[in-house]
Amino acid sequence: MAKTKWISHRGESYDAPENTVPSFRLSLERKTDGMECDIYFTNDGKVVCNHDGDTGRVSGGFLKALVTESSYAGLQMVDVWNGKAGFEGARIPLFTDTLPYLGPGREYYVEIKKGDVNMVPELIRIIDDSGIPKERFTMICFGDEVVKCYKEAAPERKALLLVGGEPAPDAEAVIERLKACHADGVDIRCSSNIDEAYVAKLRRAGFYIAVWTVDTPELARKFLDLEVDSITSNRAAWLMRMFA
C-alpha cells in the first residue's frame, strides 16, 4: 500500500488566507504532497480561486461580491485576508497564478464549483498550456455530471467525485455513483461511519480513496490506519510532520 499523501486544503489555510497565493506558497515551502483549490469563472471569463460563491466571508464581511457576476478586475478591489494577521492585502488569484507554487512532484486537487460543466474544457486547456504533467492534476467535484464530462473529454486524467454527509452515504451507493460517472475514485468527508469495512468495499471495487477535511491528530490517525490514499487538511504540514 502506497504512503498516504497530505494535501493542503485551499493551501496551508490554517495559517494563511485560504485560496490565496500566500497560502499556496506556504504549502510549497512546507513540502506537503500537494494542494487543493476551488475554481469559478468570473463574468469576463477568467478562472479564479475562491471557495464560496461570494467574497463575504473571506473579506471578513467587508464586501459580499458574487464571484461569477464580478469581473476579475472588480474582485481585485476586495481584500481577502480573512482576518489572518500579516496577510492584509491578499487578493483572489487567477488559477494560473497558483501554478508556480505547485512545485516539482506535488499534486494539485482542483475543485470545479457550482457543477459548472463549462469549466471542463477550460481547465483542460489551462493544464495543457501550463507545461506541468497532466498526471499531477486531479479534478474534483460534487457534480456527477461534471465528473462524467471531464472523464469523457480526458479519460486518461484523474477525476474524483466529492461526497459529503454525516453519516456518509452507504458504500454501495457511492460505488454505483462512481461507476456511473466514470470517476477514478471518491474524495469523501471524514464521516464517523467510514471504517475498515467501508474502505474495503471501495478498494475491492478498484477506487481511489481521498478524505476531507481532517484537522485533528485523532482523525488523522484513524484515516492513516485505514490507509486511505490522501488526506486533505487545513494544516496538512503540521499533521504530516506529526506522523512522519
C-alpha atoms as a PDB file:
ATOM      1  CA  MET A   1       0.000   0.000   0.000  1.00  0.00           C
ATOM      2  CA  ALA A   2       1.400   3.386  -1.008  1.00  0.00           C
ATOM      3  CA  LYS A   3       2.011   6.035   1.626  1.00  0.00           C
ATOM      4  CA  THR A   4      -0.967   8.293   2.351  1.00  0.00           C
ATOM      5  CA  LYS A   5      -0.495  11.717   0.788  1.00  0.00           C
ATOM      6  CA  TRP A   6      -1.087  15.021   2.577  1.00  0.00           C
ATOM      7  CA  ILE A   7      -2.971  17.664   0.584  1.00  0.00           C
ATOM      8  CA  SER A   8      -3.080  21.292   1.765  1.00  0.00           C
ATOM      9  CA  HIS A   9      -6.749  22.360   1.758  1.00  0.00           C
ATOM     10  CA  ARG A  10      -7.029  25.687  -0.109  1.00  0.00           C
ATOM     11  CA  GLY A  11      -3.305  25.863   0.581  1.00  0.00           C
ATOM     12  CA  GLU A  12      -1.990  25.907   4.141  1.00  0.00           C
ATOM     13  CA  SER A  13      -5.182  27.699   5.121  1.00  0.00           C
ATOM     14  CA  TYR A  14      -4.880  27.231   8.874  1.00  0.00           C
ATOM     15  CA  ASP A  15      -2.051  29.776   8.834  1.00  0.00           C
ATOM     16  CA  ALA A  16      -2.633  31.838   5.682  1.00  0.00           C
ATOM     17  CA  PRO A  17      -5.761  33.134   3.901  1.00  0.00           C
ATOM     18  CA  GLU A  18      -7.400  30.290   2.013  1.00  0.00           C
ATOM     19  CA  ASN A  19      -7.138  30.063  -1.775  1.00  0.00           C
ATOM     20  CA  THR A  20      -4.561  32.853  -1.988  1.00  0.00           C
ATOM     21  CA  VAL A  21      -1.004  32.893  -3.299  1.00  0.00           C
ATOM     22  CA  PRO A  22       0.467  33.160   0.250  1.00  0.00           C
ATOM     23  CA  SER A  23      -1.419  30.011   1.260  1.00  0.00           C
ATOM     24  CA  PHE A  24      -0.266  28.047  -1.769  1.00  0.00           C
ATOM     25  CA  ARG A  25       3.285  29.345  -1.362  1.00  0.00           C
ATOM     26  CA  LEU A  26       3.287  28.140   2.240  1.00  0.00           C
ATOM     27  CA  SER A  27       2.147  24.715   1.076  1.00  0.00           C
ATOM     28  CA  LEU A  28       5.108  24.515  -1.285  1.00  0.00           C
ATOM     29  CA  GLU A  29       7.574  25.792   1.312  1.00  0.00           C
ATOM     30  CA  ARG A  30       6.342  23.228   3.839  1.00  0.00           C
ATOM     31  CA  LYS A  31       6.664  20.445   1.256  1.00  0.00           C
ATOM     32  CA  THR A  32       3.279  18.794   1.625  1.00  0.00           C
ATOM     33  CA  ASP A  33       2.412  16.234  -1.022  1.00  0.00           C
ATOM     34  CA  GLY A  34       0.077  18.616  -2.783  1.00  0.00           C
ATOM     35  CA  MET A  35      -2.523  21.334  -2.528  1.00  0.00           C
ATOM     36  CA  GLU A  36      -6.198  21.870  -3.276  1.00  0.00           C
ATOM     37  CA  CYS A  37      -8.162  24.835  -4.619  1.00  0.00           C
ATOM     38  CA  ASP A  38     -11.657  25.817  -5.784  1.00  0.00           C
ATOM     39  CA  ILE A  39     -12.309  27.499  -9.126  1.00  0.00           C
ATOM     40  CA  TYR A  40     -15.007  29.679 -10.676  1.00  0.00           C
ATOM     41  CA  PHE A  41     -15.419  31.723 -13.829  1.00  0.00           C
ATOM     42  CA  THR A  42     -15.697  35.487 -13.414  1.00  0.00           C
ATOM     43  CA  ASN A  43     -18.177  37.323 -15.627  1.00  0.00           C
ATOM     44  CA  ASP A  44     -15.341  38.170 -18.017  1.00  0.00           C
ATOM     45  CA  GLY A  45     -14.242  34.567 -18.421  1.00  0.00           C
ATOM     46  CA  LYS A  46     -11.280  34.457 -16.030  1.00  0.00           C
ATOM     47  CA  VAL A  47     -10.733  31.385 -13.858  1.00  0.00           C
ATOM     48  CA  VAL A  48     -10.179  32.394 -10.238  1.00  0.00           C
ATOM     49  CA  CYS A  49      -9.704  30.635  -6.903  1.00  0.00           C
ATOM     50  CA  ASN A  50     -12.350  31.107  -4.224  1.00  0.00           C
ATOM     51  CA  HIS A  51     -14.401  28.639  -2.219  1.00  0.00           C
ATOM     52  CA  ASP A  52     -17.645  30.484  -1.602  1.00  0.00           C
ATOM     53  CA  GLY A  53     -19.845  31.897  -4.309  1.00  0.00           C
ATOM     54  CA  ASP A  54     -19.177  35.375  -2.908  1.00  0.00           C
ATOM     55  CA  THR A  55     -16.462  37.294  -1.096  1.00  0.00           C
ATOM     56  CA  GLY A  56     -18.386  37.960   2.113  1.00  0.00           C
ATOM     57  CA  ARG A  57     -16.677  35.516   4.453  1.00  0.00           C
ATOM     58  CA  VAL A  58     -13.131  35.809   3.106  1.00  0.00           C
ATOM     59  CA  SER A  59     -13.299  39.603   3.205  1.00  0.00           C
ATOM     60  CA  GLY A  60     -14.324  39.487   6.860  1.00  0.00           C
ATOM     61  CA  GLY A  61     -17.786  40.735   5.927  1.00  0.00           C
ATOM     62  CA  PHE A  62     -16.418  43.835   4.204  1.00  0.00           C
ATOM     63  CA  LEU A  63     -17.892  43.152   0.771  1.00  0.00           C
ATOM     64  CA  LYS A  64     -20.161  40.383  -0.497  1.00  0.00           C
ATOM     65  CA  ALA A  65     -19.422  40.369  -4.215  1.00  0.00           C
ATOM     66  CA  LEU A  66     -20.720  37.413  -6.240  1.00  0.00           C
ATOM     67  CA  VAL A  67     -17.739  35.820  -7.955  1.00  0.00           C
ATOM     68  CA  THR A  68     -19.490  34.742 -11.155  1.00  0.00           C
ATOM     69  CA  GLU A  69     -21.168  38.139 -11.520  1.00  0.00           C
ATOM     70  CA  SER A  70     -17.975  40.148 -10.959  1.00  0.00           C
ATOM     71  CA  SER A  71     -15.091  40.934 -13.266  1.00  0.00           C
ATOM     72  CA  TYR A  72     -11.609  39.822 -12.356  1.00  0.00           C
ATOM     73  CA  ALA A  73     -10.579  43.473 -12.024  1.00  0.00           C
ATOM     74  CA  GLY A  74     -13.524  44.122  -9.742  1.00  0.00           C
ATOM     75  CA  LEU A  75     -12.587  41.222  -7.480  1.00  0.00           C
ATOM     76  CA  GLN A  76      -9.083  42.663  -7.152  1.00  0.00           C
ATOM     77  CA  MET A  77     -10.621  45.516  -5.147  1.00  0.00           C
ATOM     78  CA  VAL A  78     -11.502  43.063  -2.336  1.00  0.00           C
ATOM     79  CA  ASP A  79      -9.032  42.259   0.455  1.00  0.00           C
ATOM     80  CA  VAL A  80      -9.494  38.547   1.212  1.00  0.00           C
ATOM     81  CA  TRP A  81      -7.066  38.336   4.127  1.00  0.00           C
ATOM     82  CA  ASN A  82      -9.892  36.707   6.176  1.00  0.00           C
ATOM     83  CA  GLY A  83      -8.594  38.025   9.495  1.00  0.00           C
ATOM     84  CA  LYS A  84      -5.162  36.398   9.189  1.00  0.00           C
ATOM     85  CA  ALA A  85      -2.707  38.859  10.723  1.00  0.00           C
ATOM     86  CA  GLY A  86       0.209  39.689   8.472  1.00  0.00           C
ATOM     87  CA  PHE A  87      -1.682  38.868   5.304  1.00  0.00           C
ATOM     88  CA  GLU A  88      -3.567  42.110   4.836  1.00  0.00           C
ATOM     89  CA  GLY A  89      -3.912  42.947   1.157  1.00  0.00           C
ATOM     90  CA  ALA A  90      -4.339  39.344  -0.018  1.00  0.00           C
ATOM     91  CA  ARG A  91      -6.261  39.052  -3.258  1.00  0.00           C
ATOM     92  CA  ILE A  92      -8.254  36.395  -5.109  1.00  0.00           C
ATOM     93  CA  PRO A  93      -5.777  34.895  -7.589  1.00  0.00           C
ATOM     94  CA  LEU A  94      -6.181  33.637 -11.091  1.00  0.00           C
ATOM     95  CA  PHE A  95      -5.871  29.869 -11.144  1.00  0.00           C
ATOM     96  CA  THR A  96      -2.858  30.273 -13.417  1.00  0.00           C
ATOM     97  CA  ASP A  97      -1.183  32.457 -10.761  1.00  0.00           C
ATOM     98  CA  THR A  98      -1.199  29.489  -8.365  1.00  0.00           C
ATOM     99  CA  LEU A  99       0.562  27.065 -10.703  1.00  0.00           C
ATOM    100  CA  PRO A 100       4.130  28.223  -9.911  1.00  0.00           C
ATOM    101  CA  TYR A 101       3.502  27.137  -6.307  1.00  0.00           C
ATOM    102  CA  LEU A 102       2.703  23.547  -7.172  1.00  0.00           C
ATOM    103  CA  GLY A 103       6.392  22.743  -7.355  1.00  0.00           C
ATOM    104  CA  PRO A 104       8.068  19.544  -8.530  1.00  0.00           C
ATOM    105  CA  GLY A 105       6.490  16.206  -7.750  1.00  0.00           C
ATOM    106  CA  ARG A 106       3.436  17.583  -5.959  1.00  0.00           C
ATOM    107  CA  GLU A 107      -0.247  17.047  -6.835  1.00  0.00           C
ATOM    108  CA  TYR A 108      -2.991  19.602  -7.365  1.00  0.00           C
ATOM    109  CA  TYR A 109      -6.611  18.832  -6.488  1.00  0.00           C
ATOM    110  CA  VAL A 110      -8.796  21.308  -8.371  1.00  0.00           C
ATOM    111  CA  GLU A 111     -12.466  21.601  -7.448  1.00  0.00           C
ATOM    112  CA  ILE A 112     -14.869  22.852 -10.096  1.00  0.00           C
ATOM    113  CA  LYS A 113     -17.536  24.781  -8.189  1.00  0.00           C
ATOM    114  CA  LYS A 114     -21.264  25.102  -8.893  1.00  0.00           C
ATOM    115  CA  GLY A 115     -21.309  21.951 -11.010  1.00  0.00           C
ATOM    116  CA  ASP A 116     -20.185  24.074 -13.951  1.00  0.00           C
ATOM    117  CA  VAL A 117     -19.622  21.714 -16.906  1.00  0.00           C
ATOM    118  CA  ASN A 118     -18.490  24.733 -18.962  1.00  0.00           C
ATOM    119  CA  MET A 119     -15.344  24.794 -16.830  1.00  0.00           C
ATOM    120  CA  VAL A 120     -14.230  21.362 -18.053  1.00  0.00           C
ATOM    121  CA  PRO A 121     -12.677  22.350 -21.414  1.00  0.00           C
ATOM    122  CA  GLU A 122     -11.127  25.489 -19.924  1.00  0.00           C
ATOM    123  CA  LEU A 123      -9.487  23.578 -17.081  1.00  0.00           C
ATOM    124  CA  ILE A 124      -8.113  21.030 -19.535  1.00  0.00           C
ATOM    125  CA  ARG A 125      -6.770  23.850 -21.720  1.00  0.00           C
ATOM    126  CA  ILE A 126      -5.076  25.623 -18.808  1.00  0.00           C
ATOM    127  CA  ILE A 127      -3.434  22.389 -17.659  1.00  0.00           C
ATOM    128  CA  ASP A 128      -2.226  21.621 -21.169  1.00  0.00           C
ATOM    129  CA  ASP A 129      -0.845  25.133 -21.626  1.00  0.00           C
ATOM    130  CA  SER A 130       0.930  25.073 -18.255  1.00  0.00           C
ATOM    131  CA  GLY A 131       3.593  22.603 -19.282  1.00  0.00           C
ATOM    132  CA  ILE A 132       3.029  20.741 -15.996  1.00  0.00           C
ATOM    133  CA  PRO A 133       2.451  16.989 -16.472  1.00  0.00           C
ATOM    134  CA  LYS A 134      -1.294  16.381 -16.547  1.00  0.00           C
ATOM    135  CA  GLU A 135      -0.854  13.402 -14.211  1.00  0.00           C
ATOM    136  CA  ARG A 136      -0.194  15.832 -11.373  1.00  0.00           C
ATOM    137  CA  PHE A 137      -3.702  17.301 -11.547  1.00  0.00           C
ATOM    138  CA  THR A 138      -6.834  15.743 -10.091  1.00  0.00           C
ATOM    139  CA  MET A 139     -10.196  17.290 -10.857  1.00  0.00           C
ATOM    140  CA  ILE A 140     -12.714  17.032  -8.022  1.00  0.00           C
ATOM    141  CA  CYS A 141     -16.380  17.998  -7.991  1.00  0.00           C
ATOM    142  CA  PHE A 142     -19.635  17.319  -6.157  1.00  0.00           C
ATOM    143  CA  GLY A 143     -21.393  17.196  -9.522  1.00  0.00           C
ATOM    144  CA  ASP A 144     -21.656  13.721 -11.041  1.00  0.00           C
ATOM    145  CA  GLU A 145     -22.285  15.246 -14.470  1.00  0.00           C
ATOM    146  CA  VAL A 146     -19.105  17.344 -14.292  1.00  0.00           C
ATOM    147  CA  VAL A 147     -17.019  14.300 -13.392  1.00  0.00           C
ATOM    148  CA  LYS A 148     -18.579  12.319 -16.238  1.00  0.00           C
ATOM    149  CA  CYS A 149     -17.987  15.164 -18.686  1.00  0.00           C
ATOM    150  CA  TYR A 150     -14.359  15.500 -17.604  1.00  0.00           C
ATOM    151  CA  LYS A 151     -13.684  11.782 -17.976  1.00  0.00           C
ATOM    152  CA  GLU A 152     -15.346  11.716 -21.372  1.00  0.00           C
ATOM    153  CA  ALA A 153     -13.221  14.658 -22.523  1.00  0.00           C
ATOM    154  CA  ALA A 154      -9.984  13.381 -20.964  1.00  0.00           C
ATOM    155  CA  PRO A 155     -10.354   9.731 -19.920  1.00  0.00           C
ATOM    156  CA  GLU A 156      -6.664   9.422 -19.050  1.00  0.00           C
ATOM    157  CA  ARG A 157      -6.875  12.169 -16.389  1.00  0.00           C
ATOM    158  CA  LYS A 158      -7.836  11.577 -12.768  1.00  0.00           C
ATOM    159  CA  ALA A 159     -11.204  12.783 -11.512  1.00  0.00           C
ATOM    160  CA  LEU A 160     -12.710  12.173  -8.078  1.00  0.00           C
ATOM    161  CA  LEU A 161     -16.328  12.583  -7.058  1.00  0.00           C
ATOM    162  CA  LEU A 162     -16.723  14.678  -3.909  1.00  0.00           C
ATOM    163  CA  VAL A 163     -19.147  13.158  -1.409  1.00  0.00           C
ATOM    164  CA  GLY A 164     -20.359  14.787   1.797  1.00  0.00           C
ATOM    165  CA  GLY A 165     -22.787  13.896   4.542  1.00  0.00           C
ATOM    166  CA  GLU A 166     -22.707  12.789   8.174  1.00  0.00           C
ATOM    167  CA  PRO A 167     -23.037   9.885   8.160  1.00  0.00           C
ATOM    168  CA  ALA A 168     -21.567   9.234   4.737  1.00  0.00           C
ATOM    169  CA  PRO A 169     -23.859   7.513   2.219  1.00  0.00           C
ATOM    170  CA  ASP A 170     -23.665   3.720   2.097  1.00  0.00           C
ATOM    171  CA  ALA A 171     -20.532   2.499   0.355  1.00  0.00           C
ATOM    172  CA  GLU A 172     -22.611   0.571  -2.190  1.00  0.00           C
ATOM    173  CA  ALA A 173     -24.479   3.745  -3.168  1.00  0.00           C
ATOM    174  CA  VAL A 174     -21.202   5.660  -3.535  1.00  0.00           C
ATOM    175  CA  ILE A 175     -19.741   2.886  -5.690  1.00  0.00           C
ATOM    176  CA  GLU A 176     -22.752   2.993  -8.010  1.00  0.00           C
ATOM    177  CA  ARG A 177     -22.334   6.742  -8.461  1.00  0.00           C
ATOM    178  CA  LEU A 178     -18.610   6.390  -9.119  1.00  0.00           C
ATOM    179  CA  LYS A 179     -19.236   3.777 -11.781  1.00  0.00           C
ATOM    180  CA  ALA A 180     -21.994   5.812 -13.416  1.00  0.00           C
ATOM    181  CA  CYS A 181     -19.837   8.926 -13.821  1.00  0.00           C
ATOM    182  CA  HIS A 182     -16.616   7.004 -14.608  1.00  0.00           C
ATOM    183  CA  ALA A 183     -14.782   8.525 -11.639  1.00  0.00           C
ATOM    184  CA  ASP A 184     -11.377   7.201 -10.632  1.00  0.00           C
ATOM    185  CA  GLY A 185     -12.406   7.361  -7.014  1.00  0.00           C
ATOM    186  CA  VAL A 186     -14.010   9.335  -4.241  1.00  0.00           C
ATOM    187  CA  ASP A 187     -12.985  12.367  -2.196  1.00  0.00           C
ATOM    188  CA  ILE A 188     -15.238  11.869   0.802  1.00  0.00           C
ATOM    189  CA  ARG A 189     -15.935  13.735   4.014  1.00  0.00           C
ATOM    190  CA  CYS A 190     -14.221  12.239   7.078  1.00  0.00           C
ATOM    191  CA  SER A 191     -17.557  10.980   8.398  1.00  0.00           C
ATOM    192  CA  SER A 192     -17.881   8.849  11.530  1.00  0.00           C
ATOM    193  CA  ASN A 193     -19.193   5.752   9.730  1.00  0.00           C
ATOM    194  CA  ILE A 194     -16.193   5.384   7.433  1.00  0.00           C
ATOM    195  CA  ASP A 195     -14.424   2.348   8.829  1.00  0.00           C
ATOM    196  CA  GLU A 196     -12.328  -0.600   7.676  1.00  0.00           C
ATOM    197  CA  ALA A 197     -15.291  -2.352   6.071  1.00  0.00           C
ATOM    198  CA  TYR A 198     -16.368   0.819   4.246  1.00  0.00           C
ATOM    199  CA  VAL A 199     -12.876   1.391   2.840  1.00  0.00           C
ATOM    200  CA  ALA A 200     -12.546  -2.289   1.904  1.00  0.00           C
ATOM    201  CA  LYS A 201     -15.684  -2.128  -0.246  1.00  0.00           C
ATOM    202  CA  LEU A 202     -14.322   0.846  -2.164  1.00  0.00           C
ATOM    203  CA  ARG A 203     -10.941  -0.855  -2.542  1.00  0.00           C
ATOM    204  CA  ARG A 204     -12.478  -4.067  -3.877  1.00  0.00           C
ATOM    205  CA  ALA A 205     -14.335  -2.004  -6.451  1.00  0.00           C
ATOM    206  CA  GLY A 206     -10.991  -0.569  -7.563  1.00  0.00           C
ATOM    207  CA  PHE A 207     -11.445   3.044  -6.471  1.00  0.00           C
ATOM    208  CA  TYR A 208      -9.014   5.685  -5.176  1.00  0.00           C
ATOM    209  CA  ILE A 209      -9.972   6.975  -1.706  1.00  0.00           C
ATOM    210  CA  ALA A 210      -9.328  10.538  -0.546  1.00  0.00           C
ATOM    211  CA  VAL A 211     -10.840  12.140   2.571  1.00  0.00           C
ATOM    212  CA  TRP A 212     -11.527  15.732   3.684  1.00  0.00           C
ATOM    213  CA  THR A 213     -11.153  17.825   5.852  1.00  0.00           C
ATOM    214  CA  VAL A 214      -9.004  16.292   8.602  1.00  0.00           C
ATOM    215  CA  ASP A 215      -7.510  18.778  11.078  1.00  0.00           C
ATOM    216  CA  THR A 216      -7.008  16.832  14.307  1.00  0.00           C
ATOM    217  CA  PRO A 217      -4.406  14.192  15.209  1.00  0.00           C
ATOM    218  CA  GLU A 218      -7.165  11.800  16.289  1.00  0.00           C
ATOM    219  CA  LEU A 219      -8.893  11.881  12.909  1.00  0.00           C
ATOM    220  CA  ALA A 220      -5.577  11.806  11.083  1.00  0.00           C
ATOM    221  CA  ARG A 221      -4.564   8.650  12.965  1.00  0.00           C
ATOM    222  CA  LYS A 222      -7.874   6.994  12.088  1.00  0.00           C
ATOM    223  CA  PHE A 223      -7.543   7.565   8.363  1.00  0.00           C
ATOM    224  CA  LEU A 224      -3.849   6.751   8.279  1.00  0.00           C
ATOM    225  CA  ASP A 225      -4.704   3.421   9.900  1.00  0.00           C
ATOM    226  CA  LEU A 226      -7.383   2.908   7.236  1.00  0.00           C
ATOM    227  CA  GLU A 227      -4.655   3.512   4.635  1.00  0.00           C
ATOM    228  CA  VAL A 228      -6.625   5.966   2.531  1.00  0.00           C
ATOM    229  CA  ASP A 229      -4.776   7.352  -0.493  1.00  0.00           C
ATOM    230  CA  SER A 230      -4.823  11.001   0.546  1.00  0.00           C
ATOM    231  CA  ILE A 231      -5.915  13.258   3.381  1.00  0.00           C
ATOM    232  CA  THR A 232      -6.868  16.879   2.763  1.00  0.00           C
ATOM    233  CA  SER A 233      -6.255  19.201   5.706  1.00  0.00           C
ATOM    234  CA  ASN A 234      -6.146  22.904   6.523  1.00  0.00           C
ATOM    235  CA  ARG A 235      -2.978  22.117   8.460  1.00  0.00           C
ATOM    236  CA  ALA A 236      -1.527  19.346   6.321  1.00  0.00           C
ATOM    237  CA  ALA A 237       2.124  20.141   7.017  1.00  0.00           C
ATOM    238  CA  TRP A 238       1.643  20.100  10.795  1.00  0.00           C
ATOM    239  CA  LEU A 239      -0.061  16.718  10.716  1.00  0.00           C
ATOM    240  CA  MET A 240       2.384  15.333   8.163  1.00  0.00           C
ATOM    241  CA  ARG A 241       5.316  16.136  10.442  1.00  0.00           C
ATOM    242  CA  MET A 242       3.485  14.695  13.453  1.00  0.00           C
ATOM    243  CA  PHE A 243       3.034  11.329  11.773  1.00  0.00           C
ATOM    244  CA  ALA A 244       6.284  11.221   9.812  1.00  0.00           C
END
